[in-house]
Protein backbone atom coordinates (compact mmCIF):
# COMPACT_ATOMS: atom_id res chain seq x y z
CA MET A 1 0.00 0.00 0.00
CA GLY A 2 1.30 3.45 -0.92
CA LYS A 3 1.60 6.57 1.18
CA LYS A 4 -1.78 7.71 2.51
CA ILE A 5 -2.69 11.23 1.34
CA CYS A 6 -5.65 12.71 3.19
CA ILE A 7 -7.12 15.63 1.24
CA LEU A 8 -9.77 17.73 2.98
CA THR A 9 -12.36 19.91 1.31
CA ALA A 10 -14.99 22.09 3.01
CA ALA A 11 -16.37 24.36 0.27
CA ARG A 12 -17.30 24.37 -3.42
CA SER A 13 -14.62 26.89 -4.38
CA GLU A 14 -11.79 25.10 -2.65
CA TYR A 15 -12.82 21.71 -4.07
CA GLY A 16 -12.59 23.22 -7.53
CA LEU A 17 -9.04 24.33 -6.78
CA LEU A 18 -8.09 20.95 -5.30
CA LYS A 19 -9.71 18.87 -8.03
CA TRP A 20 -6.64 18.07 -10.09
CA VAL A 21 -4.52 17.33 -7.02
CA ILE A 22 -7.25 14.91 -5.92
CA ASP A 23 -7.34 13.45 -9.42
CA GLY A 24 -3.57 13.01 -9.57
CA VAL A 25 -3.33 11.36 -6.15
CA ASN A 26 -6.24 9.06 -7.00
CA LYS A 27 -4.53 7.87 -10.18
CA ASP A 28 -1.02 7.45 -8.68
CA TYR A 29 -0.26 3.79 -7.86
CA GLU A 30 2.29 4.91 -5.24
CA LEU A 31 -0.33 6.87 -3.29
CA GLU A 32 -3.60 6.12 -1.50
CA LEU A 33 -6.27 8.85 -1.59
CA GLN A 34 -8.22 9.51 1.59
CA LEU A 35 -10.78 12.18 0.68
CA VAL A 36 -12.57 13.83 3.62
CA VAL A 37 -15.57 16.08 2.96
CA THR A 38 -17.00 18.56 5.47
CA GLY A 39 -18.32 22.13 5.80
CA ALA A 40 -20.65 23.66 3.22
CA HIS A 41 -20.44 20.54 1.06
CA LEU A 42 -22.86 18.86 3.48
CA SER A 43 -25.17 21.87 3.95
CA GLU A 44 -28.58 22.07 2.26
CA GLU A 45 -28.46 25.87 2.54
CA HIS A 46 -25.26 25.95 0.47
CA GLY A 47 -26.41 23.48 -2.17
CA MET A 48 -25.12 20.12 -0.84
CA THR A 49 -22.13 20.49 -3.15
CA VAL A 50 -20.84 17.07 -2.13
CA ARG A 51 -22.89 15.98 -5.16
CA PHE A 52 -20.28 17.48 -7.49
CA ILE A 53 -17.59 15.32 -5.87
CA GLU A 54 -19.79 12.26 -6.21
CA GLU A 55 -20.48 13.08 -9.87
CA ASP A 56 -16.73 13.34 -10.49
CA GLY A 57 -16.41 9.78 -9.17
CA TYR A 58 -13.82 10.34 -6.44
CA PRO A 59 -14.13 7.94 -3.48
CA ILE A 60 -15.09 9.78 -0.28
CA ALA A 61 -13.46 8.18 2.75
CA VAL A 62 -15.32 10.13 5.44
CA ARG A 63 -18.02 12.83 5.63
CA VAL A 64 -17.71 15.04 8.69
CA ASP A 65 -20.93 16.99 9.26
CA MET A 66 -19.89 20.08 11.23
CA GLN A 67 -23.54 21.24 11.37
CA LEU A 68 -22.54 24.38 9.55
CA VAL A 69 -24.50 27.51 10.45
CA SER A 70 -23.22 30.93 9.35
CA GLU A 71 -26.03 33.23 10.51
CA ASN A 72 -23.88 34.71 13.26
CA LYS A 73 -20.34 34.49 14.57
CA ARG A 74 -21.28 32.42 17.62
CA ASP A 75 -22.82 29.74 15.41
CA ILE A 76 -19.73 29.68 13.19
CA VAL A 77 -17.54 29.03 16.26
CA ARG A 78 -19.91 26.27 17.37
CA SER A 79 -19.67 24.68 13.93
CA MET A 80 -15.88 24.84 14.16
CA GLY A 81 -16.14 22.97 17.46
CA GLN A 82 -18.23 20.26 15.82
CA CYS A 83 -15.59 20.03 13.10
CA SER A 84 -12.87 19.47 15.73
CA ILE A 85 -14.90 16.65 17.31
CA GLY A 86 -15.37 14.99 13.93
CA MET A 87 -11.74 15.42 12.94
CA ALA A 88 -10.49 13.80 16.17
CA ASP A 89 -11.92 10.43 15.18
CA THR A 90 -11.53 10.85 11.42
CA LEU A 91 -7.82 11.65 11.37
CA ALA A 92 -6.99 9.21 14.18
CA ASP A 93 -8.78 6.38 12.35
CA LEU A 94 -7.41 7.18 8.88
CA ASN A 95 -3.89 7.77 10.23
CA PRO A 96 -2.63 9.40 7.00
CA ASP A 97 0.99 10.10 6.15
CA VAL A 98 0.05 13.70 5.34
CA VAL A 99 -3.02 15.94 5.41
CA VAL A 100 -3.43 18.24 2.38
CA VAL A 101 -5.41 21.49 2.69
CA LEU A 102 -5.79 24.59 0.54
CA GLY A 103 -6.28 28.25 1.24
CA ASP A 104 -7.81 30.16 4.09
CA ARG A 105 -11.33 29.01 5.00
CA TYR A 106 -12.06 29.18 8.75
CA GLU A 107 -12.93 25.45 8.69
CA LEU A 108 -9.21 24.81 8.25
CA LEU A 109 -8.45 25.91 11.82
CA PRO A 110 -10.11 22.90 13.54
CA ILE A 111 -8.88 20.57 10.77
CA VAL A 112 -5.22 21.58 10.91
CA SER A 113 -5.07 21.99 14.70
CA SER A 114 -6.45 18.43 15.02
CA ALA A 115 -3.72 17.12 12.72
CA LEU A 116 -1.08 19.07 14.66
CA VAL A 117 -2.09 17.55 18.00
CA LEU A 118 -2.30 14.06 16.47
CA GLY A 119 1.21 14.43 15.04
CA ILE A 120 0.14 14.25 11.39
CA PRO A 121 2.04 16.59 9.06
CA VAL A 122 0.09 19.09 6.98
CA ALA A 123 0.76 20.22 3.40
CA HIS A 124 -0.66 23.71 2.75
CA ILE A 125 -1.47 24.91 -0.76
CA SER A 126 -1.77 28.66 -1.53
CA GLY A 127 -0.23 29.95 1.67
CA GLY A 128 1.64 33.24 1.90
CA ASP A 129 -1.03 35.29 0.11
CA VAL A 130 -2.32 38.55 1.57
CA THR A 131 -6.04 39.48 1.79
CA GLU A 132 -6.53 42.22 4.33
CA GLY A 133 -10.32 42.61 4.03
CA ALA A 134 -11.31 39.32 5.71
CA ILE A 135 -10.26 37.08 8.59
CA ASP A 136 -9.00 34.73 5.86
CA ASN A 137 -5.64 36.47 6.20
CA GLU A 138 -5.18 35.46 9.83
CA VAL A 139 -6.56 31.96 9.17
CA ARG A 140 -4.19 31.43 6.24
CA ASN A 141 -1.15 32.48 8.26
CA ALA A 142 -2.18 30.30 11.21
CA VAL A 143 -2.56 27.29 8.89
CA SER A 144 0.87 28.00 7.40
CA MET A 145 2.44 28.11 10.86
CA MET A 146 0.93 24.69 11.66
CA SER A 147 1.96 23.12 8.35
CA ALA A 148 5.07 21.13 7.49
CA ILE A 149 5.36 21.66 3.71
CA HIS A 150 4.10 24.52 1.58
CA PHE A 151 2.96 25.09 -2.03
CA PRO A 152 2.42 28.84 -2.58
CA GLY A 153 1.19 30.07 -5.93
CA VAL A 154 3.74 32.79 -6.68
CA GLU A 155 7.18 34.03 -5.62
CA SER A 156 5.88 36.92 -3.49
CA SER A 157 3.79 34.47 -1.44
CA ALA A 158 6.78 32.15 -1.10
CA GLU A 159 8.85 35.06 0.20
CA ASN A 160 6.16 35.87 2.78
CA LEU A 161 6.33 32.24 3.95
CA ARG A 162 10.13 32.34 4.18
CA ARG A 163 9.86 35.39 6.44
CA MET A 164 7.34 33.56 8.62
CA LEU A 165 8.93 30.11 8.67
CA GLY A 166 12.62 30.58 7.83
CA LYS A 167 14.47 30.26 4.56
CA ASP A 168 15.08 26.53 5.04
CA ALA A 169 11.40 25.59 5.28
CA PRO A 170 10.19 23.23 2.50
CA ILE A 171 8.48 25.77 0.23
CA TYR A 172 7.78 24.96 -3.43
CA ILE A 173 6.17 27.47 -5.83
CA ALA A 174 3.49 25.62 -7.79
CA GLY A 175 1.31 28.27 -9.40
CA GLU A 176 -2.35 28.60 -8.53
CA PRO A 177 -4.11 25.23 -8.94
CA GLY A 178 -7.41 26.65 -10.22
CA LEU A 179 -5.86 27.54 -13.59
CA GLU A 180 -5.45 23.87 -14.47
CA SER A 181 -9.17 23.45 -15.09
CA PHE A 182 -9.04 25.81 -18.09
CA LEU A 183 -6.56 23.41 -19.72
CA ARG A 184 -8.08 20.10 -18.65
CA PHE A 185 -11.85 20.59 -18.64
CA ASP A 186 -13.96 20.17 -21.77
CA LEU A 187 -15.58 23.57 -21.24
CA MET A 188 -19.16 24.21 -22.36
CA SER A 189 -19.75 26.24 -25.54
CA ARG A 190 -21.70 29.50 -25.58
CA ASP A 191 -24.68 27.73 -27.18
CA GLU A 192 -24.59 24.99 -24.53
CA LEU A 193 -24.47 27.57 -21.77
CA ALA A 194 -27.32 29.56 -23.28
CA GLU A 195 -29.54 26.48 -23.33
CA ASN A 196 -28.45 25.29 -19.89
CA LEU A 197 -28.81 28.67 -18.16
CA GLU A 198 -31.70 30.04 -20.28
CA LEU A 199 -29.69 32.93 -21.71
CA ASP A 200 -29.67 34.84 -24.99
CA THR A 201 -26.50 34.28 -27.04
CA ASP A 202 -26.91 37.67 -28.71
CA LYS A 203 -26.64 39.55 -25.40
CA GLN A 204 -23.55 40.26 -23.30
CA TRP A 205 -23.16 38.10 -20.20
CA CYS A 206 -21.63 39.00 -16.84
CA LEU A 207 -20.63 36.69 -13.98
CA VAL A 208 -21.32 38.01 -10.47
CA THR A 209 -19.98 36.60 -7.18
CA LEU A 210 -20.10 38.84 -4.12
CA HIS A 211 -18.88 37.43 -0.80
CA PRO A 212 -19.10 39.31 2.52
CA GLU A 213 -16.19 41.29 3.89
CA THR A 214 -15.86 39.71 7.33
CA LYS A 215 -14.23 42.75 8.92
CA ILE A 216 -17.20 45.07 8.34
CA CYS A 217 -20.77 44.83 9.62
CA ILE A 218 -23.59 42.98 7.88
CA GLU A 219 -25.37 46.24 7.04
CA GLU A 220 -22.38 47.52 5.09
CA ASN A 221 -22.15 44.23 3.21
CA VAL A 222 -25.80 44.36 2.23
CA THR A 223 -25.40 47.99 1.15
CA MET A 224 -22.49 46.90 -1.07
CA ALA A 225 -24.76 44.30 -2.69
CA GLU A 226 -27.52 46.89 -3.15
CA ASN A 227 -25.10 49.31 -4.82
CA LEU A 228 -23.83 46.61 -7.15
CA PHE A 229 -27.37 45.57 -8.09
CA ARG A 230 -28.34 49.18 -8.91
CA VAL A 231 -25.37 49.36 -11.28
CA MET A 232 -26.32 46.01 -12.85
CA GLN A 233 -29.88 47.24 -13.44
CA GLY A 234 -28.50 50.14 -15.46
CA MET A 235 -26.38 47.94 -17.76
CA GLU A 236 -28.56 47.70 -20.88
CA GLY A 237 -28.51 44.52 -22.98
CA VAL A 238 -26.64 42.49 -20.39
CA GLN A 239 -27.72 39.24 -18.70
CA PHE A 240 -26.22 38.27 -15.35
CA VAL A 241 -25.46 34.93 -13.77
CA ILE A 242 -25.09 35.36 -10.01
CA SER A 243 -23.39 32.73 -7.87
CA LYS A 244 -24.44 33.00 -4.24
CA ALA A 245 -22.07 34.05 -1.44
CA ASN A 246 -20.18 31.47 0.57
CA ALA A 247 -20.68 30.40 4.20
CA ASP A 248 -18.85 33.37 5.72
CA TYR A 249 -20.54 35.57 8.31
CA GLY A 250 -22.85 37.87 6.35
CA GLY A 251 -23.21 35.54 3.37
CA SER A 252 -26.77 34.54 4.28
CA GLN A 253 -27.88 38.17 4.30
CA ILE A 254 -26.32 38.87 0.90
CA ASN A 255 -27.98 35.75 -0.50
CA ALA A 256 -31.35 36.80 0.92
CA PHE A 257 -30.95 40.16 -0.83
CA TRP A 258 -30.21 38.45 -4.17
CA GLU A 259 -33.18 36.12 -3.82
CA GLN A 260 -35.55 39.02 -3.30
CA SER A 261 -34.02 41.32 -5.93
CA VAL A 262 -33.73 38.99 -8.91
CA LYS A 263 -37.46 38.17 -8.79
CA GLN A 264 -38.17 41.53 -10.44
CA THR A 265 -36.60 40.58 -13.80
CA PRO A 266 -35.78 36.84 -13.94
CA ASP A 267 -34.96 37.02 -17.65
CA ARG A 268 -31.95 39.29 -16.88
CA PHE A 269 -30.78 37.90 -13.53
CA LYS A 270 -30.13 34.17 -12.96
CA LEU A 271 -29.27 33.18 -9.38
CA PHE A 272 -27.54 29.91 -8.46
CA THR A 273 -26.47 28.46 -5.12
CA SER A 274 -23.60 26.83 -7.01
CA LEU A 275 -22.86 26.49 -10.70
CA GLY A 276 -20.39 23.66 -10.28
CA GLN A 277 -16.80 24.18 -11.39
CA ARG A 278 -17.09 23.22 -15.06
CA ARG A 279 -20.15 25.39 -15.66
CA TYR A 280 -18.70 28.27 -13.60
CA LEU A 281 -15.42 28.35 -15.55
CA SER A 282 -17.20 27.81 -18.88
CA PHE A 283 -19.40 30.83 -18.17
CA MET A 284 -16.43 32.93 -17.02
CA LYS A 285 -14.68 32.25 -20.33
CA GLN A 286 -17.77 33.45 -22.26
CA ALA A 287 -18.48 36.46 -20.02
CA ALA A 288 -17.94 40.06 -21.03
CA GLY A 289 -16.94 40.77 -17.43
CA VAL A 290 -16.73 39.48 -13.87
CA LEU A 291 -18.21 41.57 -11.03
CA GLY A 292 -17.82 41.15 -7.27
CA ASN A 293 -14.97 40.23 -4.97
CA SER A 294 -14.29 36.52 -5.45
CA SER A 295 -10.69 35.32 -5.61
CA SER A 296 -11.62 33.68 -8.93
CA GLY A 297 -11.78 37.16 -10.45
CA ILE A 298 -8.30 37.90 -9.14
CA VAL A 299 -6.63 34.56 -9.97
CA GLU A 300 -8.57 32.67 -12.67
CA ALA A 301 -10.07 35.46 -14.82
CA PRO A 302 -6.66 36.95 -15.78
CA PHE A 303 -5.66 33.58 -17.30
CA MET A 304 -8.50 34.07 -19.82
CA GLY A 305 -8.07 37.85 -20.06
CA ILE A 306 -11.65 38.53 -18.91
CA PRO A 307 -12.22 42.08 -17.56
CA VAL A 308 -12.92 42.16 -13.81
CA VAL A 309 -14.38 44.75 -11.42
CA ASN A 310 -13.12 43.90 -7.93
CA ILE A 311 -15.23 45.64 -5.29
CA GLY A 312 -14.12 46.64 -1.80
CA ASP A 313 -11.37 45.31 0.45
CA ARG A 314 -11.99 41.55 0.63
CA GLN A 315 -9.04 40.86 -1.71
CA LYS A 316 -6.93 43.81 -0.54
CA GLY A 317 -3.25 42.88 -0.56
CA ARG A 318 -3.39 40.46 -3.49
CA HIS A 319 -1.53 41.25 -6.68
CA LEU A 320 -3.99 42.69 -9.21
CA CYS A 321 -3.39 41.63 -12.79
CA LYS A 322 -3.76 44.05 -15.71
CA ASN A 323 -7.35 42.99 -16.43
CA VAL A 324 -8.62 43.86 -12.90
CA ILE A 325 -10.25 47.21 -12.11
CA GLN A 326 -10.33 47.92 -8.37
CA CYS A 327 -13.07 50.06 -6.85
CA GLY A 328 -14.76 50.97 -3.58
CA ARG A 329 -18.17 49.82 -2.32
CA SER A 330 -20.23 52.92 -3.20
CA PHE A 331 -22.68 53.10 -6.11
CA GLU A 332 -20.67 55.76 -7.95
CA GLU A 333 -17.37 53.92 -7.58
CA ILE A 334 -18.86 50.65 -8.84
CA LYS A 335 -20.62 52.44 -11.72
CA ASP A 336 -17.40 54.16 -12.83
CA ALA A 337 -15.46 50.88 -12.68
CA VAL A 338 -18.11 49.01 -14.69
CA GLU A 339 -18.10 51.71 -17.38
CA LYS A 340 -14.32 51.32 -17.63
CA MET A 341 -14.67 47.52 -17.76
CA GLN A 342 -17.14 47.70 -20.65
CA SER A 343 -14.55 49.39 -22.88
CA GLN A 344 -11.60 47.29 -21.75
CA PRO A 345 -10.11 44.79 -24.24
CA VAL A 346 -9.11 41.21 -23.42
CA ILE A 347 -5.85 41.35 -21.44
CA VAL A 348 -4.30 37.94 -20.70
CA ASP A 349 -2.03 37.87 -17.63
CA THR A 350 -0.27 34.69 -16.44
CA TYR A 351 1.11 36.11 -13.21
CA TYR A 352 -0.57 33.33 -11.18
CA GLY A 353 0.87 30.41 -13.15
CA ASP A 354 0.67 28.25 -16.25
CA GLY A 355 -1.93 25.66 -15.24
CA HIS A 356 0.32 22.77 -14.15
CA ALA A 357 0.23 23.12 -10.36
CA SER A 358 -0.98 19.60 -9.50
CA GLU A 359 2.02 17.96 -11.21
CA ILE A 360 4.44 20.03 -9.14
CA ILE A 361 2.54 19.50 -5.88
CA ILE A 362 2.29 15.71 -6.23
CA LYS A 363 5.91 15.32 -7.39
CA LYS A 364 7.36 17.40 -4.55
CA LEU A 365 5.02 15.81 -2.00
CA LYS A 366 6.17 12.32 -2.96
CA GLU A 367 9.83 13.35 -2.77
CA TRP A 368 9.27 14.93 0.64
CA LEU A 369 7.42 11.91 2.04
CA LYS A 370 10.29 9.60 1.02
CA THR A 371 12.66 11.60 3.21
CA ARG A 372 10.52 11.21 6.35
């Protein structure tokens, strides 16, 4: 039996980024995949996105229901506690050679701290980034401090990790893993998308994903969504596909606003709990622009050259590629940025990698495990 690689996923977005690492480990005869699913994947409110993993055919070793509730901060902490309880038995029973996690979701804190106490090394993908507008920043750095091997996306992130962990820490630049899907997926055509999403091929399309900023109050987050929607209403001849906010504090309130607002003109505004990765990336490639504050607009959209309006401070601190227009949360600032976006040409920027991250991660992980 090969080395046991336990990969954990807690959210739709992070599963999409981990997909090709999961795929590579699953196909490698020297490795044994232990896939653990938790968080929003098992939540009805957030679309039970475990179904996408099942449809992809990857064997799920354990499902840890952390009874995720994100209505208020106290409930989030309680859910994290449930995650710790589930991880105690899960990781002890699986006894992997390494636990692999990605990014900066708060669910990672109970996962990684459980592994640390149990003496199981952690491999952290996409550490060293900076996002000052959410608690993700502190979570990401905490996860990096508790991890044994690191796969940042770019050199600046690697340098941040070296300052935190020392220049001799095992740090390997891999590029951002989400880019790989553009090269490996059979993406849907514009006609297929139009039929699937009930859209008009003759109109411009925009992709919208607005997550809460977790360092401001809920009221300010809802106002940001209201301002964005007012701008969208004024964009003539454009249809919008809106992907709901994630399970962060304030996400439920933003989603409630979308549900109420899009009822007015359902032919122009299509709202989805989750599009699934293939459909999401297919639509992004066909979109005239991406609006909101998702990391996919910062990292994935530049690879296709799609114009992006990044709103507010959620992604503050990240490198902004040439296709990204940064703006504040007010109506006027969003409106000005959207007008600029509508006249912006396609600008491809490969700052975040070339789409081969999983190969590097699996190769270096295997080499590292042989030395232990």
